[in-house]
Amino acid sequence: FTRHLLMALHEADVERFDVVREELRIAWA
């Protein structure tokens, strides 16, 4: 599931998660 994915990515590395967050927001827009 996507929520499990995002939580796992955030837990693995907070700084790298910024890249994921920005990509999702660009795709959403």
Full PDB file with SEQRES, HELIX, SHEET, SSBOND, CRYST1, ORIGX, SCALE, CONECT and MASTER records, all heavy atoms in Angstrom:
SEQRES   1 A   29  PHE THR ARG HIS LEU LEU MET ALA LEU HIS GLU ALA ASP          
SEQRES   2 A   29  VAL GLU ARG PHE ASP VAL VAL ARG GLU GLU LEU ARG ILE          
SEQRES   3 A   29  ALA TRP ALA                                                  
HELIX    1 AA1 THR A    2  ALA A   12  1                                  11    
HELIX    2 AA2 VAL A   14  TRP A   28  1                                  15    
CRYST1    1.000    1.000    1.000  90.00  90.00  90.00 P 1           1          
ORIGX1      1.000000  0.000000  0.000000        0.00000                         
ORIGX2      0.000000  1.000000  0.000000        0.00000                         
ORIGX3      0.000000  0.000000  1.000000        0.00000                         
SCALE1      1.000000  0.000000  0.000000        0.00000                         
SCALE2      0.000000  1.000000  0.000000        0.00000                         
SCALE3      0.000000  0.000000  1.000000        0.00000                         
ATOM      1  N   PHE A   1       0.831  -1.200   0.000  1.00  0.00           N  
ATOM      2  CA  PHE A   1       0.000   0.000   0.000  1.00  0.00           C  
ATOM      3  C   PHE A   1       0.872   1.259   0.000  1.00  0.00           C  
ATOM      4  O   PHE A   1       1.989   1.262   0.530  1.00  0.00           O  
ATOM      5  CB  PHE A   1      -0.936   0.016   1.209  1.00  0.00           C  
ATOM      6  CG  PHE A   1      -1.953  -1.094   1.190  1.00  0.00           C  
ATOM      7  CD1 PHE A   1      -1.705  -2.296   1.827  1.00  0.00           C  
ATOM      8  CD2 PHE A   1      -3.143  -0.932   0.504  1.00  0.00           C  
ATOM      9  CE1 PHE A   1      -2.633  -3.324   1.800  1.00  0.00           C  
ATOM     10  CE2 PHE A   1      -4.087  -1.950   0.466  1.00  0.00           C  
ATOM     11  CZ  PHE A   1      -3.832  -3.152   1.109  1.00  0.00           C  
ATOM     12  N   THR A   2       0.343   2.324  -0.560  1.00  0.00           N  
ATOM     13  CA  THR A   2       1.127   3.549  -0.716  1.00  0.00           C  
ATOM     14  C   THR A   2       1.472   4.189   0.624  1.00  0.00           C  
ATOM     15  O   THR A   2       2.579   4.718   0.784  1.00  0.00           O  
ATOM     16  CB  THR A   2       0.377   4.567  -1.583  1.00  0.00           C  
ATOM     17  OG1 THR A   2      -0.920   4.836  -1.011  1.00  0.00           O  
ATOM     18  CG2 THR A   2       0.184   4.047  -3.000  1.00  0.00           C  
ATOM     19  N   ARG A   3       0.546   4.168   1.564  1.00  0.00           N  
ATOM     20  CA  ARG A   3       0.860   4.778   2.868  1.00  0.00           C  
ATOM     21  C   ARG A   3       1.992   4.016   3.564  1.00  0.00           C  
ATOM     22  O   ARG A   3       2.893   4.637   4.140  1.00  0.00           O  
ATOM     23  CB  ARG A   3      -0.389   4.822   3.746  1.00  0.00           C  
ATOM     24  CG  ARG A   3      -0.191   5.620   5.041  1.00  0.00           C  
ATOM     25  CD  ARG A   3      -1.482   5.720   5.812  1.00  0.00           C  
ATOM     26  NE  ARG A   3      -2.440   6.595   5.177  1.00  0.00           N  
ATOM     27  CZ  ARG A   3      -2.529   7.902   5.419  1.00  0.00           C  
ATOM     28  NH1 ARG A   3      -1.710   8.479   6.285  1.00  0.00           N  
ATOM     29  NH2 ARG A   3      -3.435   8.628   4.813  1.00  0.00           N  
ATOM     30  N   HIS A   4       1.961   2.695   3.492  1.00  0.00           N  
ATOM     31  CA  HIS A   4       3.053   1.883   4.032  1.00  0.00           C  
ATOM     32  C   HIS A   4       4.363   2.232   3.332  1.00  0.00           C  
ATOM     33  O   HIS A   4       5.423   2.370   3.982  1.00  0.00           O  
ATOM     34  CB  HIS A   4       2.717   0.399   3.845  1.00  0.00           C  
ATOM     35  CG  HIS A   4       3.772  -0.535   4.353  1.00  0.00           C  
ATOM     36  ND1 HIS A   4       3.788  -1.877   4.034  1.00  0.00           N  
ATOM     37  CD2 HIS A   4       4.865  -0.329   5.137  1.00  0.00           C  
ATOM     38  CE1 HIS A   4       4.835  -2.452   4.609  1.00  0.00           C  
ATOM     39  NE2 HIS A   4       5.505  -1.539   5.283  1.00  0.00           N  
ATOM     40  N   LEU A   5       4.307   2.390   2.017  1.00  0.00           N  
ATOM     41  CA  LEU A   5       5.504   2.759   1.257  1.00  0.00           C  
ATOM     42  C   LEU A   5       6.097   4.073   1.751  1.00  0.00           C  
ATOM     43  O   LEU A   5       7.297   4.159   2.035  1.00  0.00           O  
ATOM     44  CB  LEU A   5       5.147   2.868  -0.225  1.00  0.00           C  
ATOM     45  CG  LEU A   5       6.231   3.478  -1.123  1.00  0.00           C  
ATOM     46  CD1 LEU A   5       7.427   2.543  -1.241  1.00  0.00           C  
ATOM     47  CD2 LEU A   5       5.651   3.806  -2.504  1.00  0.00           C  
ATOM     48  N   LEU A   6       5.250   5.093   1.847  1.00  0.00           N  
ATOM     49  CA  LEU A   6       5.755   6.412   2.223  1.00  0.00           C  
ATOM     50  C   LEU A   6       6.288   6.429   3.648  1.00  0.00           C  
ATOM     51  O   LEU A   6       7.307   7.071   3.928  1.00  0.00           O  
ATOM     52  CB  LEU A   6       4.663   7.465   2.041  1.00  0.00           C  
ATOM     53  CG  LEU A   6       4.194   7.674   0.603  1.00  0.00           C  
ATOM     54  CD1 LEU A   6       3.163   8.788   0.540  1.00  0.00           C  
ATOM     55  CD2 LEU A   6       5.353   7.970  -0.335  1.00  0.00           C  
ATOM     56  N   MET A   7       5.628   5.733   4.533  1.00  0.00           N  
ATOM     57  CA  MET A   7       6.131   5.662   5.898  1.00  0.00           C  
ATOM     58  C   MET A   7       7.477   4.950   5.947  1.00  0.00           C  
ATOM     59  O   MET A   7       8.386   5.362   6.685  1.00  0.00           O  
ATOM     60  CB  MET A   7       5.119   4.953   6.792  1.00  0.00           C  
ATOM     61  CG  MET A   7       3.820   5.724   7.004  1.00  0.00           C  
ATOM     62  SD  MET A   7       4.072   7.326   7.826  1.00  0.00           S  
ATOM     63  CE  MET A   7       4.590   6.780   9.454  1.00  0.00           C  
ATOM     64  N   ALA A   8       7.644   3.900   5.149  1.00  0.00           N  
ATOM     65  CA  ALA A   8       8.914   3.177   5.111  1.00  0.00           C  
ATOM     66  C   ALA A   8      10.024   4.052   4.543  1.00  0.00           C  
ATOM     67  O   ALA A   8      11.163   4.032   5.045  1.00  0.00           O  
ATOM     68  CB  ALA A   8       8.764   1.906   4.275  1.00  0.00           C  
ATOM     69  N   LEU A   9       9.711   4.826   3.520  1.00  0.00           N  
ATOM     70  CA  LEU A   9      10.718   5.707   2.926  1.00  0.00           C  
ATOM     71  C   LEU A   9      11.127   6.806   3.893  1.00  0.00           C  
ATOM     72  O   LEU A   9      12.311   7.142   4.015  1.00  0.00           O  
ATOM     73  CB  LEU A   9      10.179   6.313   1.627  1.00  0.00           C  
ATOM     74  CG  LEU A   9       9.863   5.326   0.501  1.00  0.00           C  
ATOM     75  CD1 LEU A   9       9.304   6.069  -0.710  1.00  0.00           C  
ATOM     76  CD2 LEU A   9      11.094   4.516   0.106  1.00  0.00           C  
ATOM     77  N   HIS A  10      10.140   7.376   4.588  1.00  0.00           N  
ATOM     78  CA  HIS A  10      10.452   8.421   5.552  1.00  0.00           C  
ATOM     79  C   HIS A  10      11.304   7.866   6.689  1.00  0.00           C  
ATOM     80  O   HIS A  10      12.270   8.508   7.133  1.00  0.00           O  
ATOM     81  CB  HIS A  10       9.164   9.036   6.098  1.00  0.00           C  
ATOM     82  CG  HIS A  10       9.406  10.202   7.003  1.00  0.00           C  
ATOM     83  ND1 HIS A  10       9.614  10.059   8.355  1.00  0.00           N  
ATOM     84  CD2 HIS A  10       9.480  11.536   6.750  1.00  0.00           C  
ATOM     85  CE1 HIS A  10       9.795  11.240   8.894  1.00  0.00           C  
ATOM     86  NE2 HIS A  10       9.718  12.157   7.956  1.00  0.00           N  
ATOM     87  N   GLU A  11      10.959   6.681   7.151  1.00  0.00           N  
ATOM     88  CA  GLU A  11      11.715   6.075   8.253  1.00  0.00           C  
ATOM     89  C   GLU A  11      13.144   5.758   7.821  1.00  0.00           C  
ATOM     90  O   GLU A  11      14.090   5.876   8.619  1.00  0.00           O  
ATOM     91  CB  GLU A  11      11.014   4.804   8.723  1.00  0.00           C  
ATOM     92  CG  GLU A  11      11.686   4.131   9.910  1.00  0.00           C  
ATOM     93  CD  GLU A  11      10.915   2.917  10.389  1.00  0.00           C  
ATOM     94  OE1 GLU A  11       9.739   2.770   9.999  1.00  0.00           O  
ATOM     95  OE2 GLU A  11      11.496   2.119  11.137  1.00  0.00           O  
ATOM     96  N   ALA A  12      13.326   5.374   6.554  1.00  0.00           N  
ATOM     97  CA  ALA A  12      14.655   5.026   6.064  1.00  0.00           C  
ATOM     98  C   ALA A  12      15.566   6.236   5.999  1.00  0.00           C  
ATOM     99  O   ALA A  12      16.754   6.139   6.322  1.00  0.00           O  
ATOM    100  CB  ALA A  12      14.556   4.361   4.695  1.00  0.00           C  
ATOM    101  N   ASP A  13      15.019   7.383   5.567  1.00  0.00           N  
ATOM    102  CA  ASP A  13      15.851   8.583   5.480  1.00  0.00           C  
ATOM    103  C   ASP A  13      14.960   9.812   5.268  1.00  0.00           C  
ATOM    104  O   ASP A  13      14.295   9.930   4.236  1.00  0.00           O  
ATOM    105  CB  ASP A  13      16.849   8.478   4.324  1.00  0.00           C  
ATOM    106  CG  ASP A  13      17.894   9.575   4.363  1.00  0.00           C  
ATOM    107  OD1 ASP A  13      17.556  10.733   4.061  1.00  0.00           O  
ATOM    108  OD2 ASP A  13      19.060   9.270   4.709  1.00  0.00           O  
ATOM    109  N   VAL A  14      14.985  10.723   6.241  1.00  0.00           N  
ATOM    110  CA  VAL A  14      14.129  11.904   6.188  1.00  0.00           C  
ATOM    111  C   VAL A  14      14.538  12.834   5.058  1.00  0.00           C  
ATOM    112  O   VAL A  14      13.691  13.391   4.348  1.00  0.00           O  
ATOM    113  CB  VAL A  14      14.167  12.645   7.539  1.00  0.00           C  
ATOM    114  CG1 VAL A  14      13.394  13.949   7.449  1.00  0.00           C  
ATOM    115  CG2 VAL A  14      13.602  11.770   8.644  1.00  0.00           C  
ATOM    116  N   GLU A  15      15.831  13.022   4.858  1.00  0.00           N  
ATOM    117  CA  GLU A  15      16.296  13.955   3.837  1.00  0.00           C  
ATOM    118  C   GLU A  15      15.966  13.449   2.439  1.00  0.00           C  
ATOM    119  O   GLU A  15      15.535  14.219   1.583  1.00  0.00           O  
ATOM    120  CB  GLU A  15      17.792  14.190   3.988  1.00  0.00           C  
ATOM    121  CG  GLU A  15      18.159  14.962   5.259  1.00  0.00           C  
ATOM    122  CD  GLU A  15      19.623  15.290   5.317  1.00  0.00           C  
ATOM    123  OE1 GLU A  15      20.366  14.951   4.366  1.00  0.00           O  
ATOM    124  OE2 GLU A  15      20.052  15.900   6.324  1.00  0.00           O  
ATOM    125  N   ARG A  16      16.174  12.169   2.193  1.00  0.00           N  
ATOM    126  CA  ARG A  16      15.825  11.622   0.877  1.00  0.00           C  
ATOM    127  C   ARG A  16      14.322  11.665   0.643  1.00  0.00           C  
ATOM    128  O   ARG A  16      13.864  11.752  -0.510  1.00  0.00           O  
ATOM    129  CB  ARG A  16      16.341  10.183   0.758  1.00  0.00           C  
ATOM    130  CG  ARG A  16      17.829  10.082   0.487  1.00  0.00           C  
ATOM    131  CD  ARG A  16      18.274   8.642   0.366  1.00  0.00           C  
ATOM    132  NE  ARG A  16      18.397   8.001   1.664  1.00  0.00           N  
ATOM    133  CZ  ARG A  16      18.567   6.690   1.843  1.00  0.00           C  
ATOM    134  NH1 ARG A  16      18.612   5.879   0.799  1.00  0.00           N  
ATOM    135  NH2 ARG A  16      18.672   6.193   3.069  1.00  0.00           N  
ATOM    136  N   PHE A  17      13.536  11.618   1.714  1.00  0.00           N  
ATOM    137  CA  PHE A  17      12.084  11.666   1.569  1.00  0.00           C  
ATOM    138  C   PHE A  17      11.620  12.996   0.986  1.00  0.00           C  
ATOM    139  O   PHE A  17      10.558  13.067   0.361  1.00  0.00           O  
ATOM    140  CB  PHE A  17      11.404  11.427   2.917  1.00  0.00           C  
ATOM    141  CG  PHE A  17       9.915  11.275   2.819  1.00  0.00           C  
ATOM    142  CD1 PHE A  17       9.345  10.114   2.327  1.00  0.00           C  
ATOM    143  CD2 PHE A  17       9.073  12.314   3.202  1.00  0.00           C  
ATOM    144  CE1 PHE A  17       7.969   9.982   2.224  1.00  0.00           C  
ATOM    145  CE2 PHE A  17       7.697  12.186   3.108  1.00  0.00           C  
ATOM    146  CZ  PHE A  17       7.143  11.017   2.619  1.00  0.00           C  
ATOM    147  N   ASP A  18      12.394  14.058   1.157  1.00  0.00           N  
ATOM    148  CA  ASP A  18      12.041  15.343   0.558  1.00  0.00           C  
ATOM    149  C   ASP A  18      11.912  15.231  -0.957  1.00  0.00           C  
ATOM    150  O   ASP A  18      11.066  15.892  -1.569  1.00  0.00           O  
ATOM    151  CB  ASP A  18      13.086  16.403   0.907  1.00  0.00           C  
ATOM    152  CG  ASP A  18      13.036  16.829   2.365  1.00  0.00           C  
ATOM    153  OD1 ASP A  18      11.994  16.594   3.012  1.00  0.00           O  
ATOM    154  OD2 ASP A  18      14.029  17.387   2.854  1.00  0.00           O  
ATOM    155  N   VAL A  19      12.754  14.406  -1.575  1.00  0.00           N  
ATOM    156  CA  VAL A  19      12.671  14.193  -3.024  1.00  0.00           C  
ATOM    157  C   VAL A  19      11.353  13.525  -3.386  1.00  0.00           C  
ATOM    158  O   VAL A  19      10.690  13.894  -4.369  1.00  0.00           O  
ATOM    159  CB  VAL A  19      13.859  13.329  -3.507  1.00  0.00           C  
ATOM    160  CG1 VAL A  19      13.740  13.030  -4.997  1.00  0.00           C  
ATOM    161  CG2 VAL A  19      15.177  14.015  -3.191  1.00  0.00           C  
ATOM    162  N   VAL A  20      10.946  12.560  -2.595  1.00  0.00           N  
ATOM    163  CA  VAL A  20       9.686  11.846  -2.827  1.00  0.00           C  
ATOM    164  C   VAL A  20       8.510  12.796  -2.667  1.00  0.00           C  
ATOM    165  O   VAL A  20       7.601  12.841  -3.517  1.00  0.00           O  
ATOM    166  CB  VAL A  20       9.553  10.655  -1.859  1.00  0.00           C  
ATOM    167  CG1 VAL A  20       8.209   9.952  -2.055  1.00  0.00           C  
ATOM    168  CG2 VAL A  20      10.702   9.683  -2.045  1.00  0.00           C  
ATOM    169  N   ARG A  21       8.509  13.563  -1.588  1.00  0.00           N  
ATOM    170  CA  ARG A  21       7.422  14.499  -1.328  1.00  0.00           C  
ATOM    171  C   ARG A  21       7.260  15.497  -2.480  1.00  0.00           C  
ATOM    172  O   ARG A  21       6.144  15.756  -2.946  1.00  0.00           O  
ATOM    173  CB  ARG A  21       7.684  15.249  -0.018  1.00  0.00           C  
ATOM    174  CG  ARG A  21       6.561  16.222   0.351  1.00  0.00           C  
ATOM    175  CD  ARG A  21       6.950  17.089   1.532  1.00  0.00           C  
ATOM    176  NE  ARG A  21       7.063  16.305   2.770  1.00  0.00           N  
ATOM    177  CZ  ARG A  21       8.198  16.067   3.400  1.00  0.00           C  
ATOM    178  NH1 ARG A  21       9.349  16.533   2.931  1.00  0.00           N  
ATOM    179  NH2 ARG A  21       8.203  15.360   4.525  1.00  0.00           N  
ATOM    180  N   GLU A  22       8.362  16.045  -2.955  1.00  0.00           N  
ATOM    181  CA  GLU A  22       8.295  17.025  -4.041  1.00  0.00           C  
ATOM    182  C   GLU A  22       7.779  16.398  -5.331  1.00  0.00           C  
ATOM    183  O   GLU A  22       6.980  17.003  -6.049  1.00  0.00           O  
ATOM    184  CB  GLU A  22       9.676  17.636  -4.274  1.00  0.00           C  
ATOM    185  CG  GLU A  22       9.719  18.721  -5.334  1.00  0.00           C  
ATOM    186  CD  GLU A  22       8.858  19.928  -5.005  1.00  0.00           C  
ATOM    187  OE1 GLU A  22       8.520  20.126  -3.811  1.00  0.00           O  
ATOM    188  OE2 GLU A  22       8.517  20.676  -5.938  1.00  0.00           O  
ATOM    189  N   GLU A  23       8.215  15.183  -5.632  1.00  0.00           N  
ATOM    190  CA  GLU A  23       7.739  14.496  -6.828  1.00  0.00           C  
ATOM    191  C   GLU A  23       6.240  14.254  -6.763  1.00  0.00           C  
ATOM    192  O   GLU A  23       5.514  14.458  -7.756  1.00  0.00           O  
ATOM    193  CB  GLU A  23       8.471  13.166  -6.996  1.00  0.00           C  
ATOM    194  CG  GLU A  23       7.877  12.233  -8.047  1.00  0.00           C  
ATOM    195  CD  GLU A  23       7.865  12.810  -9.453  1.00  0.00           C  
ATOM    196  OE1 GLU A  23       8.648  13.741  -9.740  1.00  0.00           O  
ATOM    197  OE2 GLU A  23       7.073  12.319 -10.281  1.00  0.00           O  
ATOM    198  N   LEU A  24       5.738  13.834  -5.607  1.00  0.00           N  
ATOM    199  CA  LEU A  24       4.308  13.577  -5.472  1.00  0.00           C  
ATOM    200  C   LEU A  24       3.502  14.859  -5.632  1.00  0.00           C  
ATOM    201  O   LEU A  24       2.420  14.858  -6.239  1.00  0.00           O  
ATOM    202  CB  LEU A  24       4.018  12.928  -4.127  1.00  0.00           C  
ATOM    203  CG  LEU A  24       4.571  11.520  -3.915  1.00  0.00           C  
ATOM    204  CD1 LEU A  24       4.175  10.990  -2.549  1.00  0.00           C  
ATOM    205  CD2 LEU A  24       4.096  10.575  -4.999  1.00  0.00           C  
ATOM    206  N   ARG A  25       3.993  15.948  -5.105  1.00  0.00           N  
ATOM    207  CA  ARG A  25       3.265  17.211  -5.223  1.00  0.00           C  
ATOM    208  C   ARG A  25       3.253  17.719  -6.656  1.00  0.00           C  
ATOM    209  O   ARG A  25       2.246  18.264  -7.122  1.00  0.00           O  
ATOM    210  CB  ARG A  25       3.873  18.241  -4.265  1.00  0.00           C  
ATOM    211  CG  ARG A  25       3.502  17.953  -2.810  1.00  0.00           C  
ATOM    212  CD  ARG A  25       4.200  18.854  -1.826  1.00  0.00           C  
ATOM    213  NE  ARG A  25       3.636  18.665  -0.484  1.00  0.00           N  
ATOM    214  CZ  ARG A  25       4.170  19.147   0.622  1.00  0.00           C  
ATOM    215  NH1 ARG A  25       5.309  19.861   0.563  1.00  0.00           N  
ATOM    216  NH2 ARG A  25       3.595  18.928   1.799  1.00  0.00           N  
ATOM    217  N   ILE A  26       4.348  17.520  -7.367  1.00  0.00           N  
ATOM    218  CA  ILE A  26       4.376  17.903  -8.787  1.00  0.00           C  
ATOM    219  C   ILE A  26       3.384  17.060  -9.582  1.00  0.00           C  
ATOM    220  O   ILE A  26       2.621  17.574 -10.411  1.00  0.00           O  
ATOM    221  CB  ILE A  26       5.800  17.742  -9.351  1.00  0.00           C  
ATOM    222  CG1 ILE A  26       6.735  18.798  -8.743  1.00  0.00           C  
ATOM    223  CG2 ILE A  26       5.796  17.851 -10.873  1.00  0.00           C  
ATOM    224  CD1 ILE A  26       8.188  18.573  -9.066  1.00  0.00           C  
ATOM    225  N   ALA A  27       3.392  15.746  -9.328  1.00  0.00           N  
ATOM    226  CA  ALA A  27       2.470  14.852 -10.032  1.00  0.00           C  
ATOM    227  C   ALA A  27       1.025  15.192  -9.697  1.00  0.00           C  
ATOM    228  O   ALA A  27       0.147  15.185 -10.577  1.00  0.00           O  
ATOM    229  CB  ALA A  27       2.776  13.397  -9.673  1.00  0.00           C  
ATOM    230  N   TRP A  28       0.743  15.494  -8.431  1.00  0.00           N  
ATOM    231  CA  TRP A  28      -0.622  15.847  -8.013  1.00  0.00           C  
ATOM    232  C   TRP A  28      -1.118  17.084  -8.747  1.00  0.00           C  
ATOM    233  O   TRP A  28      -2.254  17.106  -9.257  1.00  0.00           O  
ATOM    234  CB  TRP A  28      -0.640  16.091  -6.509  1.00  0.00           C  
ATOM    235  CG  TRP A  28      -1.987  16.424  -5.943  1.00  0.00           C  
ATOM    236  CD1 TRP A  28      -2.893  15.564  -5.416  1.00  0.00           C  
ATOM    237  CD2 TRP A  28      -2.578  17.734  -5.840  1.00  0.00           C  
ATOM    238  NE1 TRP A  28      -4.007  16.239  -4.994  1.00  0.00           N  
ATOM    239  CE2 TRP A  28      -3.841  17.574  -5.237  1.00  0.00           C  
ATOM    240  CE3 TRP A  28      -2.148  19.014  -6.190  1.00  0.00           C  
ATOM    241  CZ2 TRP A  28      -4.692  18.652  -4.990  1.00  0.00           C  
ATOM    242  CZ3 TRP A  28      -2.998  20.096  -5.941  1.00  0.00           C  
ATOM    243  CH2 TRP A  28      -4.253  19.908  -5.344  1.00  0.00           C  
ATOM    244  N   ALA A  29      -0.290  18.109  -8.810  1.00  0.00           N  
ATOM    245  CA  ALA A  29      -0.703  19.343  -9.476  1.00  0.00           C  
ATOM    246  C   ALA A  29      -1.010  19.092 -10.945  1.00  0.00           C  
ATOM    247  O   ALA A  29      -2.016  19.594 -11.480  1.00  0.00           O  
ATOM    248  CB  ALA A  29       0.392  20.402  -9.330  1.00  0.00           C  
TER     249      ALA A  29                                                      
MASTER        0    0    0    2    0    0    0    6  248    1    0    3          
END                                                                             
